[in-house]
Amino acid sequence: MRRRLMAIIRKEFIHIFRDWRTLLIIILMPILMIVLYGYAITLDMRNIVFGVIDDARTPDSRALVDAFAENGFFRTLPRDVRRNEMESLFMRRDVHMVLVIPEDFSADLTQNRSAVVQLIIDASDSNVGTFVGNYAEQVLGIYNQRMNHAVPALFEIAPRIFYNPDMNSTNFFVPGLVALILMLISALLTSIAITREKETGTMEQILVSPVHAREIVLGKVLPYVLLGLVNAALILLSAWILFDVPVRGSLALLGLLSLVYVFVALSFGLMISTVARTQLIAMFGTLMATILPTIMLSGFIFPIASMPELLRWIANVLPATYFLIIIRAIMLKGVGSAELWPQALILSGIGTLLLTAATRRFRMRLE
């Protein structure tokens, strides 16, 4: 059995290194995806353009405008906005917010230590509207502290933020990208493994050879396990170099659990490979079955707890759901194996189930 298995593994490596498309998937695709998705998917907003209607025109009102413009979140229009053009600015998306300062702004500050300003926010995109409103409230809070520093506060809140003190959304999304790319690339590699044999006409030669179905399946999976680990290392290195995402936990533990996840993804791709008739169908099936569920249902962007019950059940079946918990815990929190063994055990079970199903289906084809 060992000699037959090694012969199949050697044959698979020859296929891989002679197929330039496979090499592109292995080397170029992960780097391109981590760069494109890493810079495109973020919750951090910068250079939010806002307009100003300053009816007060006093040093206090100018200080308020400067408080908005002095940080990286907001960027003011170079001129004051007239009321009759405000709606057209929103229509053309030239501004996301208009700050309206009333004429009696400075007088109210002097007499009452408080004043009312109006924020008109474009909330056609509800997420953008929410972020703009939150950022504006923070700026107003800082300005209020400056103006009322002499007034004693009843209490003061001193927040301390763990694991991501800069509140950088890249630290949250990039580990998720590692899970997404590993699942896609690994499943894509093995999804074309058997369909390639069918299209090139070598499947008949394998069927008449004295090999067992499990030897063929293992011989096709094991080479891609090594390539999957290379992919994982390449993706993690790119994430560290390009986005400065920390790895606070054990690299050995991360590598070991990444190997388990790669095994699951390869088994899933092999399962698709036994069903699909052509490489094109296998590739499209893999793309549909990996990208959309991983992005939408695994907790990559949206929290699972806020989903309807049916979608939560689906999320609990996805391998990426458990690997996201693992990789974010190791990279951002430095969590060890004692806390992550349930997720590792579930991933191992899913991978074993998928590989067994692929082997049984392939045995049916052999018979």
Protein backbone atom coordinates (compact mmCIF):
# COMPACT_ATOMS: atom_id res chain seq x y z
CA MET A 1 0.00 0.00 0.00
CA ARG A 2 2.79 2.41 0.89
CA ARG A 3 4.48 2.10 -2.51
CA ARG A 4 1.20 2.61 -4.36
CA LEU A 5 0.35 5.63 -2.21
CA MET A 6 3.77 7.22 -2.76
CA ALA A 7 3.42 6.65 -6.50
CA ILE A 8 0.08 8.50 -6.55
CA ILE A 9 1.54 11.35 -4.45
CA ARG A 10 4.52 11.64 -6.83
CA LYS A 11 2.19 11.65 -9.83
CA GLU A 12 0.08 14.42 -8.24
CA PHE A 13 3.14 16.59 -7.61
CA ILE A 14 4.16 16.17 -11.26
CA HIS A 15 0.67 17.30 -12.31
CA ILE A 16 0.86 20.35 -10.03
CA PHE A 17 4.26 21.59 -11.17
CA ARG A 18 3.47 21.07 -14.85
CA ASP A 19 0.16 22.95 -14.65
CA TRP A 20 0.83 26.71 -14.66
CA ARG A 21 -2.77 27.46 -13.67
CA THR A 22 -2.38 25.49 -10.46
CA LEU A 23 0.89 27.28 -9.68
CA LEU A 24 -0.81 30.66 -10.21
CA ILE A 25 -3.56 29.66 -7.78
CA ILE A 26 -1.00 28.54 -5.21
CA ILE A 27 1.41 31.49 -5.41
CA LEU A 28 -0.25 34.55 -6.92
CA MET A 29 -3.91 34.28 -5.95
CA PRO A 30 -3.45 34.35 -2.13
CA ILE A 31 -1.25 37.46 -2.29
CA LEU A 32 -3.63 39.28 -4.62
CA MET A 33 -6.63 38.41 -2.44
CA ILE A 34 -5.00 39.48 0.83
CA VAL A 35 -3.96 42.81 -0.76
CA LEU A 36 -7.30 43.55 -2.47
CA TYR A 37 -9.59 42.43 0.34
CA GLY A 38 -7.31 43.71 3.08
CA TYR A 39 -7.40 47.28 1.79
CA ALA A 40 -11.00 47.18 0.55
CA ILE A 41 -12.79 45.64 3.56
CA THR A 42 -12.54 48.01 6.49
CA LEU A 43 -14.84 49.77 8.92
CA ASP A 44 -12.43 52.65 9.45
CA MET A 45 -13.59 55.81 7.71
CA ARG A 46 -11.25 58.67 6.84
CA ASN A 47 -11.57 62.04 5.12
CA ILE A 48 -15.33 62.35 5.62
CA VAL A 49 -16.22 65.55 3.77
CA PHE A 50 -18.52 67.88 5.68
CA GLY A 51 -19.92 71.32 4.97
CA VAL A 52 -20.37 74.21 7.39
CA ILE A 53 -23.15 76.74 7.77
CA ASP A 54 -21.65 79.18 10.27
CA ASP A 55 -24.18 81.84 11.21
CA ALA A 56 -22.23 82.86 14.32
CA ARG A 57 -18.86 83.65 12.70
CA THR A 58 -17.08 83.99 16.03
CA PRO A 59 -13.79 82.57 17.38
CA ASP A 60 -15.83 79.92 19.28
CA SER A 61 -17.58 78.73 16.12
CA ARG A 62 -14.31 78.63 14.19
CA ALA A 63 -12.76 76.61 17.03
CA LEU A 64 -15.60 74.11 16.70
CA VAL A 65 -15.04 73.79 12.94
CA ASP A 66 -11.30 73.35 13.57
CA ALA A 67 -12.05 70.61 16.11
CA PHE A 68 -13.72 68.63 13.32
CA ALA A 69 -11.07 69.37 10.70
CA GLU A 70 -7.98 68.75 12.84
CA ASN A 71 -8.33 64.94 12.98
CA GLY A 72 -8.15 62.37 10.21
CA PHE A 73 -11.85 61.55 10.23
CA PHE A 74 -13.27 64.77 8.79
CA ARG A 75 -12.30 67.09 5.96
CA THR A 76 -14.17 70.35 5.52
CA LEU A 77 -15.21 71.96 2.26
CA PRO A 78 -13.00 74.96 1.47
CA ARG A 79 -16.02 77.29 1.56
CA ASP A 80 -19.14 77.78 3.66
CA VAL A 81 -22.30 76.11 2.44
CA ARG A 82 -25.42 78.09 1.58
CA ARG A 83 -28.73 76.66 2.77
CA ASN A 84 -30.25 76.54 -0.68
CA GLU A 85 -27.41 74.34 -2.04
CA MET A 86 -27.25 71.88 0.85
CA GLU A 87 -29.59 69.34 -0.71
CA SER A 88 -27.78 69.40 -4.05
CA LEU A 89 -24.48 68.71 -2.23
CA PHE A 90 -26.05 65.64 -0.65
CA MET A 91 -27.47 64.56 -4.00
CA ARG A 92 -24.05 64.75 -5.65
CA ARG A 93 -22.44 63.08 -2.60
CA ASP A 94 -20.04 66.00 -2.26
CA VAL A 95 -20.58 65.98 1.50
CA HIS A 96 -21.70 63.39 4.06
CA MET A 97 -22.63 65.87 6.76
CA VAL A 98 -23.41 69.55 7.24
CA LEU A 99 -22.61 71.30 10.53
CA VAL A 100 -25.04 74.15 11.25
CA ILE A 101 -23.86 76.63 13.91
CA PRO A 102 -26.60 79.07 15.06
CA GLU A 103 -26.07 82.82 15.30
CA ASP A 104 -26.31 82.90 19.11
CA PHE A 105 -23.78 80.06 19.56
CA SER A 106 -21.11 82.08 21.40
CA ALA A 107 -23.68 83.95 23.54
CA ASP A 108 -25.20 80.67 24.68
CA LEU A 109 -21.76 79.32 25.54
CA THR A 110 -20.94 82.40 27.61
CA GLN A 111 -24.23 82.55 29.49
CA ASN A 112 -25.30 78.92 29.86
CA ARG A 113 -22.01 77.03 29.33
CA SER A 114 -23.90 75.06 26.64
CA ALA A 115 -25.16 75.62 23.12
CA VAL A 116 -27.05 73.69 20.46
CA VAL A 117 -25.60 72.91 17.04
CA GLN A 118 -27.25 70.91 14.30
CA LEU A 119 -25.74 67.96 12.43
CA ILE A 120 -27.45 67.12 9.15
CA ILE A 121 -26.21 63.66 8.08
CA ASP A 122 -26.66 61.80 4.80
CA ALA A 123 -27.92 58.38 5.97
CA SER A 124 -28.80 56.91 2.57
CA ASP A 125 -26.08 54.42 3.50
CA SER A 126 -27.13 53.58 7.05
CA ASN A 127 -23.69 52.27 8.05
CA VAL A 128 -21.94 55.41 6.86
CA GLY A 129 -24.58 57.56 8.57
CA THR A 130 -24.06 55.70 11.85
CA PHE A 131 -20.29 56.05 11.73
CA VAL A 132 -20.46 59.74 10.81
CA GLY A 133 -22.85 60.39 13.69
CA ASN A 134 -20.62 58.50 16.16
CA TYR A 135 -17.48 60.31 15.03
CA ALA A 136 -19.22 63.68 15.22
CA GLU A 137 -20.43 62.98 18.77
CA GLN A 138 -16.86 62.16 19.83
CA VAL A 139 -15.55 65.43 18.36
CA LEU A 140 -18.33 67.41 20.05
CA GLY A 141 -17.56 65.69 23.35
CA ILE A 142 -13.88 66.68 23.12
CA TYR A 143 -14.80 70.26 22.22
CA ASN A 144 -17.23 70.40 25.14
CA GLN A 145 -14.50 69.30 27.56
CA ARG A 146 -12.20 72.03 26.27
CA MET A 147 -14.81 74.74 26.72
CA ASN A 148 -16.05 73.53 30.11
CA HIS A 149 -12.81 72.43 31.70
CA ALA A 150 -13.50 74.63 34.73
CA VAL A 151 -16.79 72.90 35.51
CA PRO A 152 -16.21 69.93 37.84
CA ALA A 153 -17.56 66.61 36.57
CA LEU A 154 -19.57 64.30 38.83
CA PHE A 155 -17.59 61.31 37.57
CA GLU A 156 -15.12 60.47 34.83
CA ILE A 157 -15.02 57.36 32.66
CA ALA A 158 -11.55 56.01 31.92
CA PRO A 159 -11.98 53.21 29.36
CA ARG A 160 -9.24 50.63 28.89
CA ILE A 161 -9.41 48.68 25.65
CA PHE A 162 -7.87 45.21 25.49
CA TYR A 163 -6.41 43.36 22.46
CA ASN A 164 -7.02 46.12 19.91
CA PRO A 165 -6.39 49.44 21.69
CA ASP A 166 -6.34 51.46 18.45
CA MET A 167 -9.76 50.03 17.47
CA ASN A 168 -8.24 49.15 14.10
CA SER A 169 -10.76 47.13 12.07
CA THR A 170 -7.91 45.68 9.98
CA ASN A 171 -6.86 43.60 12.99
CA PHE A 172 -10.35 42.10 12.98
CA PHE A 173 -10.80 41.55 9.25
CA VAL A 174 -7.37 40.32 8.16
CA PRO A 175 -7.45 37.12 10.28
CA GLY A 176 -10.87 36.51 8.76
CA LEU A 177 -9.35 36.96 5.31
CA VAL A 178 -6.81 34.27 6.14
CA ALA A 179 -9.70 31.87 6.89
CA LEU A 180 -11.53 32.88 3.69
CA ILE A 181 -8.51 32.57 1.39
CA LEU A 182 -7.32 29.28 2.89
CA MET A 183 -10.76 27.75 2.47
CA LEU A 184 -11.11 29.00 -1.12
CA ILE A 185 -7.62 28.13 -2.35
CA SER A 186 -7.41 24.72 -0.67
CA ALA A 187 -10.88 23.64 -1.80
CA LEU A 188 -10.22 24.99 -5.29
CA LEU A 189 -7.01 22.97 -5.62
CA THR A 190 -8.56 19.61 -4.79
CA SER A 191 -11.90 20.31 -6.49
CA ILE A 192 -10.19 19.96 -9.86
CA ALA A 193 -8.02 16.99 -8.84
CA ILE A 194 -10.37 14.20 -9.97
CA THR A 195 -12.22 16.20 -12.64
CA ARG A 196 -8.85 16.87 -14.28
CA GLU A 197 -8.31 13.11 -14.53
CA LYS A 198 -11.71 12.76 -16.20
CA GLU A 199 -11.06 15.50 -18.75
CA THR A 200 -7.54 14.36 -19.65
CA GLY A 201 -8.63 10.73 -19.99
CA THR A 202 -6.30 9.35 -17.31
CA MET A 203 -9.12 8.31 -14.99
CA GLU A 204 -9.55 5.03 -16.89
CA GLN A 205 -5.88 4.20 -16.32
CA ILE A 206 -6.29 4.79 -12.59
CA LEU A 207 -9.46 2.68 -12.48
CA VAL A 208 -7.77 -0.35 -14.03
CA SER A 209 -4.68 -0.06 -11.81
CA PRO A 210 -4.46 -2.19 -8.62
CA VAL A 211 -5.14 0.68 -6.19
CA HIS A 212 -7.85 1.15 -3.59
CA ALA A 213 -10.19 4.14 -3.52
CA ARG A 214 -8.77 5.40 -0.22
CA GLU A 215 -5.23 5.29 -1.68
CA ILE A 216 -6.31 7.44 -4.61
CA VAL A 217 -8.09 9.90 -2.32
CA LEU A 218 -5.20 10.12 0.17
CA GLY A 219 -2.67 10.36 -2.63
CA LYS A 220 -4.50 13.36 -4.02
CA VAL A 221 -5.06 15.06 -0.66
CA LEU A 222 -1.61 14.76 0.96
CA PRO A 223 0.34 16.83 -1.64
CA TYR A 224 -2.17 19.66 -1.26
CA VAL A 225 -1.84 19.53 2.53
CA LEU A 226 1.79 20.60 2.12
CA LEU A 227 0.84 23.25 -0.42
CA GLY A 228 -1.95 24.44 1.88
CA LEU A 229 0.56 24.95 4.69
CA VAL A 230 2.78 26.93 2.34
CA ASN A 231 -0.24 29.03 1.42
CA ALA A 232 -1.08 29.60 5.09
CA ALA A 233 2.47 30.76 5.84
CA LEU A 234 2.47 33.02 2.77
CA ILE A 235 -0.86 34.61 3.70
CA LEU A 236 0.10 35.16 7.35
CA LEU A 237 3.44 36.67 6.32
CA SER A 238 1.69 39.01 3.87
CA ALA A 239 -0.80 40.05 6.55
CA TRP A 240 2.01 40.81 8.99
CA ILE A 241 4.11 42.76 6.46
CA LEU A 242 1.30 44.70 4.75
CA PHE A 243 -1.12 45.34 7.63
CA ASP A 244 1.04 44.90 10.74
CA VAL A 245 -1.47 42.48 12.25
CA PRO A 246 0.00 41.09 15.50
CA VAL A 247 0.41 37.42 16.34
CA ARG A 248 0.31 37.34 20.13
CA GLY A 249 -0.15 33.60 20.51
CA SER A 250 1.89 30.54 19.63
CA LEU A 251 2.92 30.26 15.98
CA ALA A 252 3.26 26.50 16.41
CA LEU A 253 -0.32 26.22 17.65
CA LEU A 254 -1.55 28.47 14.86
CA GLY A 255 0.29 26.34 12.30
CA LEU A 256 -1.09 23.11 13.73
CA LEU A 257 -4.69 24.30 13.76
CA SER A 258 -4.26 25.85 10.32
CA LEU A 259 -3.20 22.39 9.15
CA VAL A 260 -6.47 20.97 10.53
CA TYR A 261 -8.44 23.68 8.73
CA VAL A 262 -6.56 23.08 5.47
CA PHE A 263 -7.38 19.38 5.82
CA VAL A 264 -11.08 20.25 6.11
CA ALA A 265 -10.96 22.56 3.09
CA LEU A 266 -9.10 19.97 0.99
CA SER A 267 -11.60 17.27 1.94
CA PHE A 268 -14.45 19.58 0.97
CA GLY A 269 -12.86 20.31 -2.40
CA LEU A 270 -12.30 16.63 -2.99
CA MET A 271 -15.95 15.95 -2.23
CA ILE A 272 -16.92 18.48 -4.92
CA SER A 273 -14.41 16.88 -7.26
CA THR A 274 -16.16 13.50 -7.02
CA VAL A 275 -19.49 15.10 -7.95
CA ALA A 276 -18.52 17.56 -10.70
CA ARG A 277 -17.97 16.31 -14.24
CA THR A 278 -15.68 19.10 -15.51
CA GLN A 279 -13.06 21.39 -14.00
CA LEU A 280 -15.16 24.45 -14.84
CA ILE A 281 -18.17 23.11 -12.93
CA ALA A 282 -15.91 22.13 -10.03
CA MET A 283 -14.39 25.63 -9.86
CA PHE A 284 -17.76 27.40 -9.99
CA GLY A 285 -19.19 25.04 -7.39
CA THR A 286 -16.24 25.67 -5.09
CA LEU A 287 -16.50 29.44 -5.46
CA MET A 288 -20.22 29.42 -4.67
CA ALA A 289 -19.88 27.03 -1.74
CA THR A 290 -16.93 28.78 -0.07
CA ILE A 291 -16.92 32.54 -0.66
CA LEU A 292 -20.55 33.51 -0.01
CA PRO A 293 -21.16 31.33 3.10
CA THR A 294 -17.79 32.25 4.60
CA ILE A 295 -18.29 35.98 4.13
CA MET A 296 -21.96 36.17 5.06
CA LEU A 297 -22.57 33.46 7.67
CA SER A 298 -19.34 32.54 9.46
CA GLY A 299 -18.94 35.69 11.56
CA PHE A 300 -16.38 37.13 9.15
CA ILE A 301 -18.29 40.44 8.99
CA PHE A 302 -21.64 40.00 10.74
CA PRO A 303 -21.98 38.56 14.27
CA ILE A 304 -23.66 35.15 14.30
CA ALA A 305 -25.65 35.99 17.44
CA SER A 306 -27.62 38.67 15.54
CA MET A 307 -28.67 36.29 12.74
CA PRO A 308 -32.05 34.50 12.53
CA GLU A 309 -32.14 31.05 14.08
CA LEU A 310 -32.07 29.20 10.73
CA LEU A 311 -28.94 31.05 9.62
CA ARG A 312 -27.31 30.38 12.99
CA TRP A 313 -27.85 26.65 12.43
CA ILE A 314 -26.20 26.94 9.01
CA ALA A 315 -23.32 28.95 10.49
CA ASN A 316 -22.66 26.19 13.01
CA VAL A 317 -21.99 23.76 10.14
CA LEU A 318 -19.42 25.95 8.36
CA PRO A 319 -15.75 25.12 9.09
CA ALA A 320 -14.79 28.80 8.76
CA THR A 321 -16.99 29.62 11.78
CA TYR A 322 -14.70 27.63 14.07
CA PHE A 323 -11.43 28.60 12.43
CA LEU A 324 -12.32 32.30 12.72
CA ILE A 325 -12.64 31.84 16.47
CA ILE A 326 -9.28 30.06 16.52
CA ILE A 327 -7.24 32.47 14.40
CA ARG A 328 -8.62 35.65 15.97
CA ALA A 329 -8.09 34.25 19.46
CA ILE A 330 -4.47 33.26 18.77
CA MET A 331 -3.47 36.35 16.78
CA LEU A 332 -5.22 39.05 18.80
CA LYS A 333 -5.53 37.56 22.31
CA GLY A 334 -2.73 35.02 22.56
CA VAL A 335 -5.15 32.25 23.55
CA GLY A 336 -3.71 28.74 24.05
CA SER A 337 -4.84 25.23 23.25
CA ALA A 338 -6.75 24.82 26.53
CA GLU A 339 -9.41 27.26 25.33
CA LEU A 340 -9.47 26.22 21.67
CA TRP A 341 -9.69 22.43 21.81
CA PRO A 342 -13.49 22.35 21.24
CA GLN A 343 -13.16 24.22 17.91
CA ALA A 344 -10.18 22.05 16.89
CA LEU A 345 -12.15 18.89 17.70
CA ILE A 346 -15.16 20.03 15.66
CA LEU A 347 -12.94 20.90 12.68
CA SER A 348 -11.27 17.48 12.87
CA GLY A 349 -14.68 15.81 12.90
CA ILE A 350 -15.91 17.81 9.90
CA GLY A 351 -12.75 17.01 7.94
CA THR A 352 -12.95 13.29 8.72
CA LEU A 353 -16.62 13.21 7.73
CA LEU A 354 -15.97 14.97 4.41
CA LEU A 355 -12.98 12.78 3.55
CA THR A 356 -14.94 9.62 4.37
CA ALA A 357 -17.84 10.78 2.20
CA ALA A 358 -15.49 11.60 -0.69
CA THR A 359 -13.83 8.18 -0.37
CA ARG A 360 -17.15 6.34 -0.31
CA ARG A 361 -18.43 8.25 -3.34
CA PHE A 362 -15.23 7.56 -5.23
CA ARG A 363 -15.46 3.86 -4.32
CA MET A 364 -18.96 3.82 -5.80
CA ARG A 365 -17.53 5.16 -9.04
CA LEU A 366 -14.80 2.52 -8.98
CA GLU A 367 -17.44 -0.20 -8.64
